[in-house]
Amino acid sequence: NVAYPKLVLELMPVGLRGLLMAVMLSAIMSSLTS
């Protein structure tokens, strides 16, 4: 279950790592609001 988060934190450069964090937050928030 840590496959995707580890890939984000290991491979993404500065800035894009924050973007992928925003992606995960988007996924969480869109599910919760629905």
ModelCIF file with pLDDT and N, C-alpha, C, O atoms, coordinates in Angstrom:
data_MODEL
#
_entry.id   MODEL 
#
_entity.id                         1 
_entity.type                       polymer 
_entity.pdbx_number_of_molecules   1 
#
_entity_poly.entity_id                      1 
_entity_poly.type                           'polypeptide(L)' 
_entity_poly.nstd_linkage                   no 
_entity_poly.nstd_monomer                   no 
_entity_poly.pdbx_seq_one_letter_code       NVAYPKLVLELMPVGLRGLLMAVMLSAIMSSLTS 
_entity_poly.pdbx_seq_one_letter_code_can   NVAYPKLVLELMPVGLRGLLMAVMLSAIMSSLTS 
_entity_poly.pdbx_strand_id                 A 
#
loop_
_entity_poly_seq.entity_id 
_entity_poly_seq.num 
_entity_poly_seq.mon_id 
_entity_poly_seq.hetero 
1 1  ASN n 
1 2  VAL n 
1 3  ALA n 
1 4  TYR n 
1 5  PRO n 
1 6  LYS n 
1 7  LEU n 
1 8  VAL n 
1 9  LEU n 
1 10 GLU n 
1 11 LEU n 
1 12 MET n 
1 13 PRO n 
1 14 VAL n 
1 15 GLY n 
1 16 LEU n 
1 17 ARG n 
1 18 GLY n 
1 19 LEU n 
1 20 LEU n 
1 21 MET n 
1 22 ALA n 
1 23 VAL n 
1 24 MET n 
1 25 LEU n 
1 26 SER n 
1 27 ALA n 
1 28 ILE n 
1 29 MET n 
1 30 SER n 
1 31 SER n 
1 32 LEU n 
1 33 THR n 
1 34 SER n 
#
_struct_asym.id          A 
_struct_asym.entity_id   1 
#
loop_
_ma_qa_metric.id 
_ma_qa_metric.mode 
_ma_qa_metric.name 
_ma_qa_metric.software_group_id 
_ma_qa_metric.type 
1 global pLDDT . pLDDT 
2 local  pLDDT . pLDDT 
#
_ma_qa_metric_global.metric_id      1 
_ma_qa_metric_global.metric_value   75.97 
_ma_qa_metric_global.model_id       1 
_ma_qa_metric_global.ordinal_id     1 
#
loop_
_ma_qa_metric_local.label_asym_id 
_ma_qa_metric_local.label_comp_id 
_ma_qa_metric_local.label_seq_id 
_ma_qa_metric_local.metric_id 
_ma_qa_metric_local.metric_value 
_ma_qa_metric_local.model_id 
_ma_qa_metric_local.ordinal_id 
A ASN 1  2 77.00 1 1  
A VAL 2  2 82.00 1 2  
A ALA 3  2 85.00 1 3  
A TYR 4  2 85.00 1 4  
A PRO 5  2 82.00 1 5  
A LYS 6  2 83.00 1 6  
A LEU 7  2 85.00 1 7  
A VAL 8  2 82.00 1 8  
A LEU 9  2 81.00 1 9  
A GLU 10 2 84.00 1 10 
A LEU 11 2 84.00 1 11 
A MET 12 2 80.00 1 12 
A PRO 13 2 82.00 1 13 
A VAL 14 2 78.00 1 14 
A GLY 15 2 76.00 1 15 
A LEU 16 2 78.00 1 16 
A ARG 17 2 79.00 1 17 
A GLY 18 2 79.00 1 18 
A LEU 19 2 75.00 1 19 
A LEU 20 2 74.00 1 20 
A MET 21 2 74.00 1 21 
A ALA 22 2 72.00 1 22 
A VAL 23 2 70.00 1 23 
A MET 24 2 71.00 1 24 
A LEU 25 2 70.00 1 25 
A SER 26 2 65.00 1 26 
A ALA 27 2 66.00 1 27 
A ILE 28 2 70.00 1 28 
A MET 29 2 69.00 1 29 
A SER 30 2 65.00 1 30 
A SER 31 2 69.00 1 31 
A LEU 32 2 72.00 1 32 
A THR 33 2 69.00 1 33 
A SER 34 2 70.00 1 34 
#
loop_
_atom_site.group_PDB 
_atom_site.id 
_atom_site.type_symbol 
_atom_site.label_atom_id 
_atom_site.label_alt_id 
_atom_site.label_comp_id 
_atom_site.label_asym_id 
_atom_site.label_entity_id 
_atom_site.label_seq_id 
_atom_site.pdbx_PDB_ins_code 
_atom_site.Cartn_x 
_atom_site.Cartn_y 
_atom_site.Cartn_z 
_atom_site.occupancy 
_atom_site.B_iso_or_equiv 
_atom_site.pdbx_formal_charge 
_atom_site.auth_seq_id 
_atom_site.auth_comp_id 
_atom_site.auth_asym_id 
_atom_site.auth_atom_id 
_atom_site.pdbx_PDB_model_num 
ATOM 1   N N  . ASN A 1 1  ? 0.803   -1.221 0.000  1.00 77.00 ? 1  ASN A N  1 
ATOM 2   C CA . ASN A 1 1  ? 0.000   0.000  0.000  1.00 77.00 ? 1  ASN A CA 1 
ATOM 3   C C  . ASN A 1 1  ? 0.837   1.274  0.000  1.00 77.00 ? 1  ASN A C  1 
ATOM 4   O O  . ASN A 1 1  ? 0.298   2.353  -0.245 1.00 77.00 ? 1  ASN A O  1 
ATOM 5   N N  . VAL A 1 2  ? 2.119   1.184  0.263  1.00 82.00 ? 2  VAL A N  1 
ATOM 6   C CA . VAL A 1 2  ? 2.955   2.391  0.242  1.00 82.00 ? 2  VAL A CA 1 
ATOM 7   C C  . VAL A 1 2  ? 3.644   2.552  -1.103 1.00 82.00 ? 2  VAL A C  1 
ATOM 8   O O  . VAL A 1 2  ? 4.514   3.412  -1.243 1.00 82.00 ? 2  VAL A O  1 
ATOM 9   N N  . ALA A 1 3  ? 3.275   1.740  -2.108 1.00 85.00 ? 3  ALA A N  1 
ATOM 10  C CA . ALA A 1 3  ? 3.952   1.784  -3.403 1.00 85.00 ? 3  ALA A CA 1 
ATOM 11  C C  . ALA A 1 3  ? 3.848   3.160  -4.046 1.00 85.00 ? 3  ALA A C  1 
ATOM 12  O O  . ALA A 1 3  ? 4.861   3.728  -4.455 1.00 85.00 ? 3  ALA A O  1 
ATOM 13  N N  . TYR A 1 4  ? 2.648   3.698  -4.140 1.00 85.00 ? 4  TYR A N  1 
ATOM 14  C CA . TYR A 1 4  ? 2.474   5.001  -4.804 1.00 85.00 ? 4  TYR A CA 1 
ATOM 15  C C  . TYR A 1 4  ? 3.086   6.144  -3.990 1.00 85.00 ? 4  TYR A C  1 
ATOM 16  O O  . TYR A 1 4  ? 3.823   6.954  -4.552 1.00 85.00 ? 4  TYR A O  1 
ATOM 17  N N  . PRO A 1 5  ? 2.805   6.238  -2.678 1.00 82.00 ? 5  PRO A N  1 
ATOM 18  C CA . PRO A 1 5  ? 3.439   7.318  -1.913 1.00 82.00 ? 5  PRO A CA 1 
ATOM 19  C C  . PRO A 1 5  ? 4.965   7.276  -1.964 1.00 82.00 ? 5  PRO A C  1 
ATOM 20  O O  . PRO A 1 5  ? 5.608   8.322  -2.052 1.00 82.00 ? 5  PRO A O  1 
ATOM 21  N N  . LYS A 1 6  ? 5.549   6.081  -1.909 1.00 83.00 ? 6  LYS A N  1 
ATOM 22  C CA . LYS A 1 6  ? 7.008   5.989  -1.929 1.00 83.00 ? 6  LYS A CA 1 
ATOM 23  C C  . LYS A 1 6  ? 7.557   6.465  -3.277 1.00 83.00 ? 6  LYS A C  1 
ATOM 24  O O  . LYS A 1 6  ? 8.587   7.137  -3.335 1.00 83.00 ? 6  LYS A O  1 
ATOM 25  N N  . LEU A 1 7  ? 6.866   6.111  -4.346 1.00 85.00 ? 7  LEU A N  1 
ATOM 26  C CA . LEU A 1 7  ? 7.297   6.553  -5.667 1.00 85.00 ? 7  LEU A CA 1 
ATOM 27  C C  . LEU A 1 7  ? 7.278   8.080  -5.761 1.00 85.00 ? 7  LEU A C  1 
ATOM 28  O O  . LEU A 1 7  ? 8.195   8.690  -6.311 1.00 85.00 ? 7  LEU A O  1 
ATOM 29  N N  . VAL A 1 8  ? 6.236   8.677  -5.223 1.00 82.00 ? 8  VAL A N  1 
ATOM 30  C CA . VAL A 1 8  ? 6.129   10.140 -5.240 1.00 82.00 ? 8  VAL A CA 1 
ATOM 31  C C  . VAL A 1 8  ? 7.280   10.775 -4.471 1.00 82.00 ? 8  VAL A C  1 
ATOM 32  O O  . VAL A 1 8  ? 7.936   11.693 -4.963 1.00 82.00 ? 8  VAL A O  1 
ATOM 33  N N  . LEU A 1 9  ? 7.515   10.285 -3.276 1.00 81.00 ? 9  LEU A N  1 
ATOM 34  C CA . LEU A 1 9  ? 8.512   10.908 -2.410 1.00 81.00 ? 9  LEU A CA 1 
ATOM 35  C C  . LEU A 1 9  ? 9.942   10.631 -2.864 1.00 81.00 ? 9  LEU A C  1 
ATOM 36  O O  . LEU A 1 9  ? 10.840  11.419 -2.568 1.00 81.00 ? 9  LEU A O  1 
ATOM 37  N N  . GLU A 1 10 ? 10.172  9.532  -3.575 1.00 84.00 ? 10 GLU A N  1 
ATOM 38  C CA . GLU A 1 10 ? 11.523  9.184  -4.008 1.00 84.00 ? 10 GLU A CA 1 
ATOM 39  C C  . GLU A 1 10 ? 11.895  9.795  -5.362 1.00 84.00 ? 10 GLU A C  1 
ATOM 40  O O  . GLU A 1 10 ? 13.037  10.205 -5.567 1.00 84.00 ? 10 GLU A O  1 
ATOM 41  N N  . LEU A 1 11 ? 10.930  9.855  -6.282 1.00 84.00 ? 11 LEU A N  1 
ATOM 42  C CA . LEU A 1 11 ? 11.265  10.232 -7.658 1.00 84.00 ? 11 LEU A CA 1 
ATOM 43  C C  . LEU A 1 11 ? 10.987  11.688 -8.003 1.00 84.00 ? 11 LEU A C  1 
ATOM 44  O O  . LEU A 1 11 ? 11.706  12.281 -8.807 1.00 84.00 ? 11 LEU A O  1 
ATOM 45  N N  . MET A 1 12 ? 9.961   12.267 -7.409 1.00 80.00 ? 12 MET A N  1 
ATOM 46  C CA . MET A 1 12 ? 9.528   13.586 -7.859 1.00 80.00 ? 12 MET A CA 1 
ATOM 47  C C  . MET A 1 12 ? 10.476  14.668 -7.362 1.00 80.00 ? 12 MET A C  1 
ATOM 48  O O  . MET A 1 12 ? 10.882  14.651 -6.200 1.00 80.00 ? 12 MET A O  1 
ATOM 49  N N  . PRO A 1 13 ? 10.833  15.612 -8.237 1.00 82.00 ? 13 PRO A N  1 
ATOM 50  C CA . PRO A 1 13 ? 11.675  16.734 -7.823 1.00 82.00 ? 13 PRO A CA 1 
ATOM 51  C C  . PRO A 1 13 ? 10.881  17.752 -7.013 1.00 82.00 ? 13 PRO A C  1 
ATOM 52  O O  . PRO A 1 13 ? 9.659   17.653 -6.892 1.00 82.00 ? 13 PRO A O  1 
ATOM 53  N N  . VAL A 1 14 ? 11.589  18.725 -6.463 1.00 78.00 ? 14 VAL A N  1 
ATOM 54  C CA . VAL A 1 14 ? 10.948  19.772 -5.673 1.00 78.00 ? 14 VAL A CA 1 
ATOM 55  C C  . VAL A 1 14 ? 9.920   20.499 -6.534 1.00 78.00 ? 14 VAL A C  1 
ATOM 56  O O  . VAL A 1 14 ? 10.173  20.774 -7.707 1.00 78.00 ? 14 VAL A O  1 
ATOM 57  N N  . GLY A 1 15 ? 8.799   20.801 -5.975 1.00 76.00 ? 15 GLY A N  1 
ATOM 58  C CA . GLY A 1 15 ? 7.719   21.439 -6.718 1.00 76.00 ? 15 GLY A CA 1 
ATOM 59  C C  . GLY A 1 15 ? 6.741   20.409 -7.228 1.00 76.00 ? 15 GLY A C  1 
ATOM 60  O O  . GLY A 1 15 ? 5.553   20.469 -6.913 1.00 76.00 ? 15 GLY A O  1 
ATOM 61  N N  . LEU A 1 16 ? 7.229   19.457 -8.019 1.00 78.00 ? 16 LEU A N  1 
ATOM 62  C CA . LEU A 1 16 ? 6.363   18.387 -8.506 1.00 78.00 ? 16 LEU A CA 1 
ATOM 63  C C  . LEU A 1 16 ? 5.952   17.451 -7.372 1.00 78.00 ? 16 LEU A C  1 
ATOM 64  O O  . LEU A 1 16 ? 4.868   16.868 -7.391 1.00 78.00 ? 16 LEU A O  1 
ATOM 65  N N  . ARG A 1 17 ? 6.835   17.320 -6.387 1.00 79.00 ? 17 ARG A N  1 
ATOM 66  C CA . ARG A 1 17 ? 6.459   16.521 -5.225 1.00 79.00 ? 17 ARG A CA 1 
ATOM 67  C C  . ARG A 1 17 ? 5.279   17.176 -4.510 1.00 79.00 ? 17 ARG A C  1 
ATOM 68  O O  . ARG A 1 17 ? 4.364   16.489 -4.055 1.00 79.00 ? 17 ARG A O  1 
ATOM 69  N N  . GLY A 1 18 ? 5.302   18.473 -4.415 1.00 79.00 ? 18 GLY A N  1 
ATOM 70  C CA . GLY A 1 18 ? 4.170   19.196 -3.842 1.00 79.00 ? 18 GLY A CA 1 
ATOM 71  C C  . GLY A 1 18 ? 2.923   19.055 -4.694 1.00 79.00 ? 18 GLY A C  1 
ATOM 72  O O  . GLY A 1 18 ? 1.813   18.963 -4.169 1.00 79.00 ? 18 GLY A O  1 
ATOM 73  N N  . LEU A 1 19 ? 3.107   19.036 -6.042 1.00 75.00 ? 19 LEU A N  1 
ATOM 74  C CA . LEU A 1 19 ? 1.970   18.847 -6.933 1.00 75.00 ? 19 LEU A CA 1 
ATOM 75  C C  . LEU A 1 19 ? 1.314   17.489 -6.703 1.00 75.00 ? 19 LEU A C  1 
ATOM 76  O O  . LEU A 1 19 ? 0.088   17.388 -6.657 1.00 75.00 ? 19 LEU A O  1 
ATOM 77  N N  . LEU A 1 20 ? 2.134   16.442 -6.560 1.00 74.00 ? 20 LEU A N  1 
ATOM 78  C CA . LEU A 1 20 ? 1.564   15.113 -6.315 1.00 74.00 ? 20 LEU A CA 1 
ATOM 79  C C  . LEU A 1 20 ? 0.924   15.021 -4.939 1.00 74.00 ? 20 LEU A C  1 
ATOM 80  O O  . LEU A 1 20 ? -0.038  14.278 -4.747 1.00 74.00 ? 20 LEU A O  1 
ATOM 81  N N  . MET A 1 21 ? 1.453   15.771 -3.984 1.00 74.00 ? 21 MET A N  1 
ATOM 82  C CA . MET A 1 21 ? 0.778   15.846 -2.692 1.00 74.00 ? 21 MET A CA 1 
ATOM 83  C C  . MET A 1 21 ? -0.595  16.485 -2.868 1.00 74.00 ? 21 MET A C  1 
ATOM 84  O O  . MET A 1 21 ? -1.570  16.057 -2.250 1.00 74.00 ? 21 MET A O  1 
ATOM 85  N N  . ALA A 1 22 ? -0.665  17.503 -3.707 1.00 72.00 ? 22 ALA A N  1 
ATOM 86  C CA . ALA A 1 22 ? -1.947  18.132 -4.004 1.00 72.00 ? 22 ALA A CA 1 
ATOM 87  C C  . ALA A 1 22 ? -2.886  17.153 -4.704 1.00 72.00 ? 22 ALA A C  1 
ATOM 88  O O  . ALA A 1 22 ? -4.098  17.187 -4.489 1.00 72.00 ? 22 ALA A O  1 
ATOM 89  N N  . VAL A 1 23 ? -2.318  16.270 -5.550 1.00 70.00 ? 23 VAL A N  1 
ATOM 90  C CA . VAL A 1 23 ? -3.135  15.246 -6.214 1.00 70.00 ? 23 VAL A CA 1 
ATOM 91  C C  . VAL A 1 23 ? -3.796  14.343 -5.175 1.00 70.00 ? 23 VAL A C  1 
ATOM 92  O O  . VAL A 1 23 ? -4.993  14.064 -5.253 1.00 70.00 ? 23 VAL A O  1 
ATOM 93  N N  . MET A 1 24 ? -3.011  13.893 -4.212 1.00 71.00 ? 24 MET A N  1 
ATOM 94  C CA . MET A 1 24 ? -3.569  13.020 -3.186 1.00 71.00 ? 24 MET A CA 1 
ATOM 95  C C  . MET A 1 24 ? -4.614  13.760 -2.350 1.00 71.00 ? 24 MET A C  1 
ATOM 96  O O  . MET A 1 24 ? -5.649  13.194 -1.996 1.00 71.00 ? 24 MET A O  1 
ATOM 97  N N  . LEU A 1 25 ? -4.338  15.019 -2.039 1.00 70.00 ? 25 LEU A N  1 
ATOM 98  C CA . LEU A 1 25 ? -5.318  15.798 -1.299 1.00 70.00 ? 25 LEU A CA 1 
ATOM 99  C C  . LEU A 1 25 ? -6.595  15.975 -2.117 1.00 70.00 ? 25 LEU A C  1 
ATOM 100 O O  . LEU A 1 25 ? -7.697  15.953 -1.568 1.00 70.00 ? 25 LEU A O  1 
ATOM 101 N N  . SER A 1 26 ? -6.444  16.154 -3.447 1.00 65.00 ? 26 SER A N  1 
ATOM 102 C CA . SER A 1 26 ? -7.612  16.269 -4.323 1.00 65.00 ? 26 SER A CA 1 
ATOM 103 C C  . SER A 1 26 ? -8.449  15.003 -4.258 1.00 65.00 ? 26 SER A C  1 
ATOM 104 O O  . SER A 1 26 ? -9.675  15.058 -4.164 1.00 65.00 ? 26 SER A O  1 
ATOM 105 N N  . ALA A 1 27 ? -7.761  13.845 -4.309 1.00 66.00 ? 27 ALA A N  1 
ATOM 106 C CA . ALA A 1 27 ? -8.479  12.577 -4.273 1.00 66.00 ? 27 ALA A CA 1 
ATOM 107 C C  . ALA A 1 27 ? -9.239  12.413 -2.960 1.00 66.00 ? 27 ALA A C  1 
ATOM 108 O O  . ALA A 1 27 ? -10.389 11.974 -2.945 1.00 66.00 ? 27 ALA A O  1 
ATOM 109 N N  . ILE A 1 28 ? -8.581  12.771 -1.859 1.00 70.00 ? 28 ILE A N  1 
ATOM 110 C CA . ILE A 1 28 ? -9.229  12.652 -0.556 1.00 70.00 ? 28 ILE A CA 1 
ATOM 111 C C  . ILE A 1 28 ? -10.432 13.582 -0.468 1.00 70.00 ? 28 ILE A C  1 
ATOM 112 O O  . ILE A 1 28 ? -11.524 13.167 -0.082 1.00 70.00 ? 28 ILE A O  1 
ATOM 113 N N  . MET A 1 29 ? -10.218 14.847 -0.831 1.00 69.00 ? 29 MET A N  1 
ATOM 114 C CA . MET A 1 29 ? -11.258 15.850 -0.640 1.00 69.00 ? 29 MET A CA 1 
ATOM 115 C C  . MET A 1 29 ? -12.449 15.624 -1.564 1.00 69.00 ? 29 MET A C  1 
ATOM 116 O O  . MET A 1 29 ? -13.595 15.807 -1.154 1.00 69.00 ? 29 MET A O  1 
ATOM 117 N N  . SER A 1 30 ? -12.185 15.225 -2.816 1.00 65.00 ? 30 SER A N  1 
ATOM 118 C CA . SER A 1 30 ? -13.301 15.004 -3.741 1.00 65.00 ? 30 SER A CA 1 
ATOM 119 C C  . SER A 1 30 ? -14.166 13.839 -3.270 1.00 65.00 ? 30 SER A C  1 
ATOM 120 O O  . SER A 1 30 ? -15.388 13.878 -3.405 1.00 65.00 ? 30 SER A O  1 
ATOM 121 N N  . SER A 1 31 ? -13.529 12.797 -2.714 1.00 69.00 ? 31 SER A N  1 
ATOM 122 C CA . SER A 1 31 ? -14.310 11.671 -2.188 1.00 69.00 ? 31 SER A CA 1 
ATOM 123 C C  . SER A 1 31 ? -15.135 12.092 -0.978 1.00 69.00 ? 31 SER A C  1 
ATOM 124 O O  . SER A 1 31 ? -16.310 11.742 -0.869 1.00 69.00 ? 31 SER A O  1 
ATOM 125 N N  . LEU A 1 32 ? -14.518 12.839 -0.075 1.00 72.00 ? 32 LEU A N  1 
ATOM 126 C CA . LEU A 1 32 ? -15.210 13.233 1.144  1.00 72.00 ? 32 LEU A CA 1 
ATOM 127 C C  . LEU A 1 32 ? -16.382 14.158 0.856  1.00 72.00 ? 32 LEU A C  1 
ATOM 128 O O  . LEU A 1 32 ? -17.460 13.982 1.424  1.00 72.00 ? 32 LEU A O  1 
ATOM 129 N N  . THR A 1 33 ? -16.186 15.153 -0.026 1.00 69.00 ? 33 THR A N  1 
ATOM 130 C CA . THR A 1 33 ? -17.275 16.082 -0.315 1.00 69.00 ? 33 THR A CA 1 
ATOM 131 C C  . THR A 1 33 ? -18.444 15.366 -0.971 1.00 69.00 ? 33 THR A C  1 
ATOM 132 O O  . THR A 1 33 ? -19.602 15.668 -0.683 1.00 69.00 ? 33 THR A O  1 
ATOM 133 N N  . SER A 1 34 ? -18.146 14.419 -1.851 1.00 70.00 ? 34 SER A N  1 
ATOM 134 C CA . SER A 1 34 ? -19.211 13.668 -2.504 1.00 70.00 ? 34 SER A CA 1 
ATOM 135 C C  . SER A 1 34 ? -20.013 12.873 -1.484 1.00 70.00 ? 34 SER A C  1 
ATOM 136 O O  . SER A 1 34 ? -20.958 12.174 -1.851 1.00 70.00 ? 34 SER A O  1 
#
